[in-house]
Amino acid sequence: MNGQITGHAILENVRRYRGIASLYRQTAAFRPDQSWSLLEQARDWEARALRELEAYFAARMDYAATRAA
């Protein structure tokens, strides 16, 4: 597929990133002294997951547009 990651692999990455973010949030609940740092890291992982999804759907839309033209 021209070196591109498949949709299944991207969705697996997103699932993994969100799982990591969830672990950071859970850890923040039990470590109040570090909670701000942990929550920031959770936010970063969620942002990474969102960027991955946005890039995936943008590529799909571009591909669909070229096929329709």
PDB file of N, CA and C in Angstrom:
ATOM      1  N   MET A   1       0.838  -1.201   0.000  1.00  0.00           N
ATOM      2  CA  MET A   1       0.000   0.000   0.000  1.00  0.00           C
ATOM      3  C   MET A   1       0.871   1.248   0.000  1.00  0.00           C
ATOM      4  N   ASN A   2       1.914   1.255  -0.795  1.00  0.00           N
ATOM      5  CA  ASN A   2       2.815   2.401  -0.951  1.00  0.00           C
ATOM      6  C   ASN A   2       3.452   2.848   0.362  1.00  0.00           C
ATOM      7  N   GLY A   3       3.713   1.923   1.269  1.00  0.00           N
ATOM      8  CA  GLY A   3       4.363   2.277   2.521  1.00  0.00           C
ATOM      9  C   GLY A   3       3.461   2.961   3.526  1.00  0.00           C
ATOM     10  N   GLN A   4       2.187   3.066   3.229  1.00  0.00           N
ATOM     11  CA  GLN A   4       1.269   3.705   4.157  1.00  0.00           C
ATOM     12  C   GLN A   4       0.733   2.681   5.144  1.00  0.00           C
ATOM     13  N   ILE A   5       0.388   3.153   6.318  1.00  0.00           N
ATOM     14  CA  ILE A   5      -0.180   2.285   7.343  1.00  0.00           C
ATOM     15  C   ILE A   5      -1.634   1.998   6.979  1.00  0.00           C
ATOM     16  N   THR A   6      -2.060   0.772   7.181  1.00  0.00           N
ATOM     17  CA  THR A   6      -3.442   0.412   6.878  1.00  0.00           C
ATOM     18  C   THR A   6      -4.391   1.013   7.902  1.00  0.00           C
ATOM     19  N   GLY A   7      -5.657   1.080   7.524  1.00  0.00           N
ATOM     20  CA  GLY A   7      -6.670   1.611   8.429  1.00  0.00           C
ATOM     21  C   GLY A   7      -6.739   0.839   9.732  1.00  0.00           C
ATOM     22  N   HIS A   8      -6.612  -0.485   9.640  1.00  0.00           N
ATOM     23  CA  HIS A   8      -6.663  -1.312  10.851  1.00  0.00           C
ATOM     24  C   HIS A   8      -5.509  -0.961  11.791  1.00  0.00           C
ATOM     25  N   ALA A   9      -4.325  -0.774  11.258  1.00  0.00           N
ATOM     26  CA  ALA A   9      -3.163  -0.436  12.087  1.00  0.00           C
ATOM     27  C   ALA A   9      -3.331   0.940  12.723  1.00  0.00           C
ATOM     28  N   ILE A  10      -3.889   1.871  11.978  1.00  0.00           N
ATOM     29  CA  ILE A  10      -4.108   3.211  12.528  1.00  0.00           C
ATOM     30  C   ILE A  10      -5.099   3.149  13.680  1.00  0.00           C
ATOM     31  N   LEU A  11      -6.194   2.419  13.487  1.00  0.00           N
ATOM     32  CA  LEU A  11      -7.180   2.309  14.558  1.00  0.00           C
ATOM     33  C   LEU A  11      -6.602   1.583  15.772  1.00  0.00           C
ATOM     34  N   GLU A  12      -5.721   0.640  15.549  1.00  0.00           N
ATOM     35  CA  GLU A  12      -5.049  -0.039  16.662  1.00  0.00           C
ATOM     36  C   GLU A  12      -4.137   0.945  17.406  1.00  0.00           C
ATOM     37  N   ASN A  13      -3.436   1.797  16.668  1.00  0.00           N
ATOM     38  CA  ASN A  13      -2.608   2.831  17.305  1.00  0.00           C
ATOM     39  C   ASN A  13      -3.470   3.761  18.146  1.00  0.00           C
ATOM     40  N   VAL A  14      -4.604   4.181  17.594  1.00  0.00           N
ATOM     41  CA  VAL A  14      -5.504   5.082  18.321  1.00  0.00           C
ATOM     42  C   VAL A  14      -5.983   4.408  19.607  1.00  0.00           C
ATOM     43  N   ARG A  15      -6.355   3.146  19.518  1.00  0.00           N
ATOM     44  CA  ARG A  15      -6.796   2.408  20.700  1.00  0.00           C
ATOM     45  C   ARG A  15      -5.677   2.363  21.747  1.00  0.00           C
ATOM     46  N   ARG A  16      -4.472   2.117  21.290  1.00  0.00           N
ATOM     47  CA  ARG A  16      -3.318   2.048  22.198  1.00  0.00           C
ATOM     48  C   ARG A  16      -3.054   3.414  22.839  1.00  0.00           C
ATOM     49  N   TYR A  17      -3.071   4.472  22.046  1.00  0.00           N
ATOM     50  CA  TYR A  17      -2.821   5.814  22.580  1.00  0.00           C
ATOM     51  C   TYR A  17      -3.866   6.190  23.625  1.00  0.00           C
ATOM     52  N   ARG A  18      -5.120   5.877  23.340  1.00  0.00           N
ATOM     53  CA  ARG A  18      -6.178   6.211  24.301  1.00  0.00           C
ATOM     54  C   ARG A  18      -6.064   5.364  25.563  1.00  0.00           C
ATOM     55  N   GLY A  19      -5.610   4.142  25.420  1.00  0.00           N
ATOM     56  CA  GLY A  19      -5.374   3.304  26.599  1.00  0.00           C
ATOM     57  C   GLY A  19      -4.281   3.877  27.480  1.00  0.00           C
ATOM     58  N   ILE A  20      -3.218   4.358  26.853  1.00  0.00           N
ATOM     59  CA  ILE A  20      -2.121   4.980  27.607  1.00  0.00           C
ATOM     60  C   ILE A  20      -2.625   6.230  28.321  1.00  0.00           C
ATOM     61  N   ALA A  21      -3.423   7.033  27.627  1.00  0.00           N
ATOM     62  CA  ALA A  21      -3.985   8.239  28.242  1.00  0.00           C
ATOM     63  C   ALA A  21      -4.846   7.876  29.447  1.00  0.00           C
ATOM     64  N   SER A  22      -5.621   6.824  29.319  1.00  0.00           N
ATOM     65  CA  SER A  22      -6.464   6.379  30.426  1.00  0.00           C
ATOM     66  C   SER A  22      -5.624   5.973  31.636  1.00  0.00           C
ATOM     67  N   LEU A  23      -4.522   5.287  31.389  1.00  0.00           N
ATOM     68  CA  LEU A  23      -3.640   4.896  32.495  1.00  0.00           C
ATOM     69  C   LEU A  23      -3.046   6.115  33.199  1.00  0.00           C
ATOM     70  N   TYR A  24      -2.691   7.135  32.426  1.00  0.00           N
ATOM     71  CA  TYR A  24      -2.178   8.363  33.043  1.00  0.00           C
ATOM     72  C   TYR A  24      -3.247   9.021  33.908  1.00  0.00           C
ATOM     73  N   ARG A  25      -4.494   9.052  33.418  1.00  0.00           N
ATOM     74  CA  ARG A  25      -5.573   9.650  34.213  1.00  0.00           C
ATOM     75  C   ARG A  25      -5.821   8.854  35.491  1.00  0.00           C
ATOM     76  N   GLN A  26      -5.803   7.532  35.387  1.00  0.00           N
ATOM     77  CA  GLN A  26      -6.000   6.692  36.572  1.00  0.00           C
ATOM     78  C   GLN A  26      -4.878   6.906  37.580  1.00  0.00           C
ATOM     79  N   THR A  27      -3.663   6.988  37.096  1.00  0.00           N
ATOM     80  CA  THR A  27      -2.522   7.212  37.983  1.00  0.00           C
ATOM     81  C   THR A  27      -2.636   8.574  38.662  1.00  0.00           C
ATOM     82  N   ALA A  28      -3.113   9.574  37.927  1.00  0.00           N
ATOM     83  CA  ALA A  28      -3.273  10.915  38.496  1.00  0.00           C
ATOM     84  C   ALA A  28      -4.241  10.904  39.675  1.00  0.00           C
ATOM     85  N   ALA A  29      -5.243  10.039  39.620  1.00  0.00           N
ATOM     86  CA  ALA A  29      -6.213   9.964  40.709  1.00  0.00           C
ATOM     87  C   ALA A  29      -5.567   9.476  42.006  1.00  0.00           C
ATOM     88  N   PHE A  30      -4.510   8.682  41.889  1.00  0.00           N
ATOM     89  CA  PHE A  30      -3.865   8.118  43.068  1.00  0.00           C
ATOM     90  C   PHE A  30      -2.564   8.821  43.450  1.00  0.00           C
ATOM     91  N   ARG A  31      -2.136   9.775  42.656  1.00  0.00           N
ATOM     92  CA  ARG A  31      -0.910  10.527  42.952  1.00  0.00           C
ATOM     93  C   ARG A  31      -1.186  12.030  42.833  1.00  0.00           C
ATOM     94  N   PRO A  32      -1.847  12.588  43.825  1.00  0.00           N
ATOM     95  CA  PRO A  32      -2.240  13.998  43.739  1.00  0.00           C
ATOM     96  C   PRO A  32      -1.073  14.962  43.548  1.00  0.00           C
ATOM     97  N   ASP A  33       0.090  14.619  44.083  1.00  0.00           N
ATOM     98  CA  ASP A  33       1.245  15.511  43.940  1.00  0.00           C
ATOM     99  C   ASP A  33       1.731  15.600  42.497  1.00  0.00           C
ATOM    100  N   GLN A  34       1.466  14.578  41.721  1.00  0.00           N
ATOM    101  CA  GLN A  34       1.904  14.542  40.324  1.00  0.00           C
ATOM    102  C   GLN A  34       0.739  14.681  39.348  1.00  0.00           C
ATOM    103  N   SER A  35      -0.447  14.940  39.854  1.00  0.00           N
ATOM    104  CA  SER A  35      -1.637  14.861  38.999  1.00  0.00           C
ATOM    105  C   SER A  35      -1.589  15.812  37.810  1.00  0.00           C
ATOM    106  N   TRP A  36      -1.089  17.030  37.991  1.00  0.00           N
ATOM    107  CA  TRP A  36      -1.074  17.969  36.863  1.00  0.00           C
ATOM    108  C   TRP A  36      -0.183  17.469  35.742  1.00  0.00           C
ATOM    109  N   SER A  37       0.968  16.971  36.099  1.00  0.00           N
ATOM    110  CA  SER A  37       1.885  16.440  35.091  1.00  0.00           C
ATOM    111  C   SER A  37       1.291  15.212  34.402  1.00  0.00           C
ATOM    112  N   LEU A  38       0.706  14.326  35.185  1.00  0.00           N
ATOM    113  CA  LEU A  38       0.114  13.112  34.618  1.00  0.00           C
ATOM    114  C   LEU A  38      -1.070  13.434  33.711  1.00  0.00           C
ATOM    115  N   LEU A  39      -1.891  14.391  34.126  1.00  0.00           N
ATOM    116  CA  LEU A  39      -3.035  14.773  33.295  1.00  0.00           C
ATOM    117  C   LEU A  39      -2.583  15.454  32.006  1.00  0.00           C
ATOM    118  N   GLU A  40      -1.495  16.198  32.077  1.00  0.00           N
ATOM    119  CA  GLU A  40      -0.954  16.804  30.862  1.00  0.00           C
ATOM    120  C   GLU A  40      -0.453  15.730  29.901  1.00  0.00           C
ATOM    121  N   GLN A  41       0.186  14.715  30.442  1.00  0.00           N
ATOM    122  CA  GLN A  41       0.644  13.619  29.589  1.00  0.00           C
ATOM    123  C   GLN A  41      -0.540  12.871  28.980  1.00  0.00           C
ATOM    124  N   ALA A  42      -1.601  12.687  29.758  1.00  0.00           N
ATOM    125  CA  ALA A  42      -2.811  12.045  29.224  1.00  0.00           C
ATOM    126  C   ALA A  42      -3.376  12.876  28.077  1.00  0.00           C
ATOM    127  N   ARG A  43      -3.392  14.192  28.258  1.00  0.00           N
ATOM    128  CA  ARG A  43      -3.889  15.077  27.203  1.00  0.00           C
ATOM    129  C   ARG A  43      -3.034  14.959  25.946  1.00  0.00           C
ATOM    130  N   ASP A  44      -1.730  14.853  26.122  1.00  0.00           N
ATOM    131  CA  ASP A  44      -0.832  14.705  24.974  1.00  0.00           C
ATOM    132  C   ASP A  44      -1.113  13.411  24.210  1.00  0.00           C
ATOM    133  N   TRP A  45      -1.362  12.313  24.932  1.00  0.00           N
ATOM    134  CA  TRP A  45      -1.662  11.040  24.259  1.00  0.00           C
ATOM    135  C   TRP A  45      -3.002  11.103  23.534  1.00  0.00           C
ATOM    136  N   GLU A  46      -3.990  11.774  24.141  1.00  0.00           N
ATOM    137  CA  GLU A  46      -5.287  11.936  23.471  1.00  0.00           C
ATOM    138  C   GLU A  46      -5.127  12.778  22.205  1.00  0.00           C
ATOM    139  N   ALA A  47      -4.297  13.812  22.281  1.00  0.00           N
ATOM    140  CA  ALA A  47      -4.053  14.654  21.105  1.00  0.00           C
ATOM    141  C   ALA A  47      -3.364  13.854  20.008  1.00  0.00           C
ATOM    142  N   ARG A  48      -2.457  12.984  20.386  1.00  0.00           N
ATOM    143  CA  ARG A  48      -1.779  12.128  19.406  1.00  0.00           C
ATOM    144  C   ARG A  48      -2.791  11.215  18.712  1.00  0.00           C
ATOM    145  N   ALA A  49      -3.705  10.658  19.487  1.00  0.00           N
ATOM    146  CA  ALA A  49      -4.742   9.791  18.911  1.00  0.00           C
ATOM    147  C   ALA A  49      -5.619  10.582  17.944  1.00  0.00           C
ATOM    148  N   LEU A  50      -5.981  11.788  18.322  1.00  0.00           N
ATOM    149  CA  LEU A  50      -6.821  12.618  17.468  1.00  0.00           C
ATOM    150  C   LEU A  50      -6.101  12.992  16.175  1.00  0.00           C
ATOM    151  N   ARG A  51      -4.831  13.356  16.265  1.00  0.00           N
ATOM    152  CA  ARG A  51      -4.065  13.680  15.051  1.00  0.00           C
ATOM    153  C   ARG A  51      -3.996  12.487  14.109  1.00  0.00           C
ATOM    154  N   GLU A  52      -3.820  11.306  14.672  1.00  0.00           N
ATOM    155  CA  GLU A  52      -3.745  10.093  13.859  1.00  0.00           C
ATOM    156  C   GLU A  52      -5.069   9.853  13.127  1.00  0.00           C
ATOM    157  N   LEU A  53      -6.175  10.015  13.850  1.00  0.00           N
ATOM    158  CA  LEU A  53      -7.488   9.842  13.226  1.00  0.00           C
ATOM    159  C   LEU A  53      -7.746  10.898  12.157  1.00  0.00           C
ATOM    160  N   GLU A  54      -7.409  12.142  12.456  1.00  0.00           N
ATOM    161  CA  GLU A  54      -7.618  13.214  11.479  1.00  0.00           C
ATOM    162  C   GLU A  54      -6.818  12.966  10.211  1.00  0.00           C
ATOM    163  N   ALA A  55      -5.578  12.551  10.342  1.00  0.00           N
ATOM    164  CA  ALA A  55      -4.747  12.279   9.170  1.00  0.00           C
ATOM    165  C   ALA A  55      -5.315  11.115   8.370  1.00  0.00           C
ATOM    166  N   TYR A  56      -5.786  10.096   9.056  1.00  0.00           N
ATOM    167  CA  TYR A  56      -6.364   8.931   8.387  1.00  0.00           C
ATOM    168  C   TYR A  56      -7.589   9.327   7.566  1.00  0.00           C
ATOM    169  N   PHE A  57      -8.514  10.063   8.184  1.00  0.00           N
ATOM    170  CA  PHE A  57      -9.728  10.433   7.468  1.00  0.00           C
ATOM    171  C   PHE A  57      -9.462  11.466   6.378  1.00  0.00           C
ATOM    172  N   ALA A  58      -8.505  12.346   6.574  1.00  0.00           N
ATOM    173  CA  ALA A  58      -8.138  13.295   5.519  1.00  0.00           C
ATOM    174  C   ALA A  58      -7.590  12.550   4.312  1.00  0.00           C
ATOM    175  N   ALA A  59      -6.752  11.554   4.548  1.00  0.00           N
ATOM    176  CA  ALA A  59      -6.199  10.762   3.447  1.00  0.00           C
ATOM    177  C   ALA A  59      -7.303   9.997   2.732  1.00  0.00           C
ATOM    178  N   ARG A  60      -8.250   9.467   3.479  1.00  0.00           N
ATOM    179  CA  ARG A  60      -9.369   8.745   2.857  1.00  0.00           C
ATOM    180  C   ARG A  60     -10.222   9.681   2.012  1.00  0.00           C
ATOM    181  N   MET A  61     -10.448  10.893   2.507  1.00  0.00           N
ATOM    182  CA  MET A  61     -11.250  11.856   1.740  1.00  0.00           C
ATOM    183  C   MET A  61     -10.520  12.265   0.470  1.00  0.00           C
ATOM    184  N   ASP A  62      -9.207  12.474   0.566  1.00  0.00           N
ATOM    185  CA  ASP A  62      -8.419  12.814  -0.620  1.00  0.00           C
ATOM    186  C   ASP A  62      -8.477  11.687  -1.639  1.00  0.00           C
ATOM    187  N   TYR A  63      -8.359  10.456  -1.171  1.00  0.00           N
ATOM    188  CA  TYR A  63      -8.403   9.294  -2.053  1.00  0.00           C
ATOM    189  C   TYR A  63      -9.772   9.192  -2.723  1.00  0.00           C
ATOM    190  N   ALA A  64     -10.832   9.395  -1.960  1.00  0.00           N
ATOM    191  CA  ALA A  64     -12.184   9.323  -2.517  1.00  0.00           C
ATOM    192  C   ALA A  64     -12.408  10.435  -3.534  1.00  0.00           C
ATOM    193  N   ALA A  65     -11.862  11.612  -3.266  1.00  0.00           N
ATOM    194  CA  ALA A  65     -12.031  12.736  -4.189  1.00  0.00           C
ATOM    195  C   ALA A  65     -11.314  12.471  -5.508  1.00  0.00           C
ATOM    196  N   THR A  66     -10.135  11.872  -5.457  1.00  0.00           N
ATOM    197  CA  THR A  66      -9.409  11.586  -6.702  1.00  0.00           C
ATOM    198  C   THR A  66     -10.099  10.485  -7.495  1.00  0.00           C
ATOM    199  N   ARG A  67     -10.734   9.553  -6.816  1.00  0.00           N
ATOM    200  CA  ARG A  67     -11.455   8.486  -7.524  1.00  0.00           C
ATOM    201  C   ARG A  67     -12.736   9.009  -8.154  1.00  0.00           C
ATOM    202  N   ALA A  68     -13.360   9.997  -7.516  1.00  0.00           N
ATOM    203  CA  ALA A  68     -14.612  10.549  -8.035  1.00  0.00           C
ATOM    204  C   ALA A  68     -14.364  11.467  -9.228  1.00  0.00           C
ATOM    205  N   ALA A  69     -13.160  12.025  -9.310  1.00  0.00           N
ATOM    206  CA  ALA A  69     -12.860  12.988 -10.382  1.00  0.00           C
ATOM    207  C   ALA A  69     -12.587  12.319 -11.705  1.00  0.00           C
TER     208      ALA A  69
END
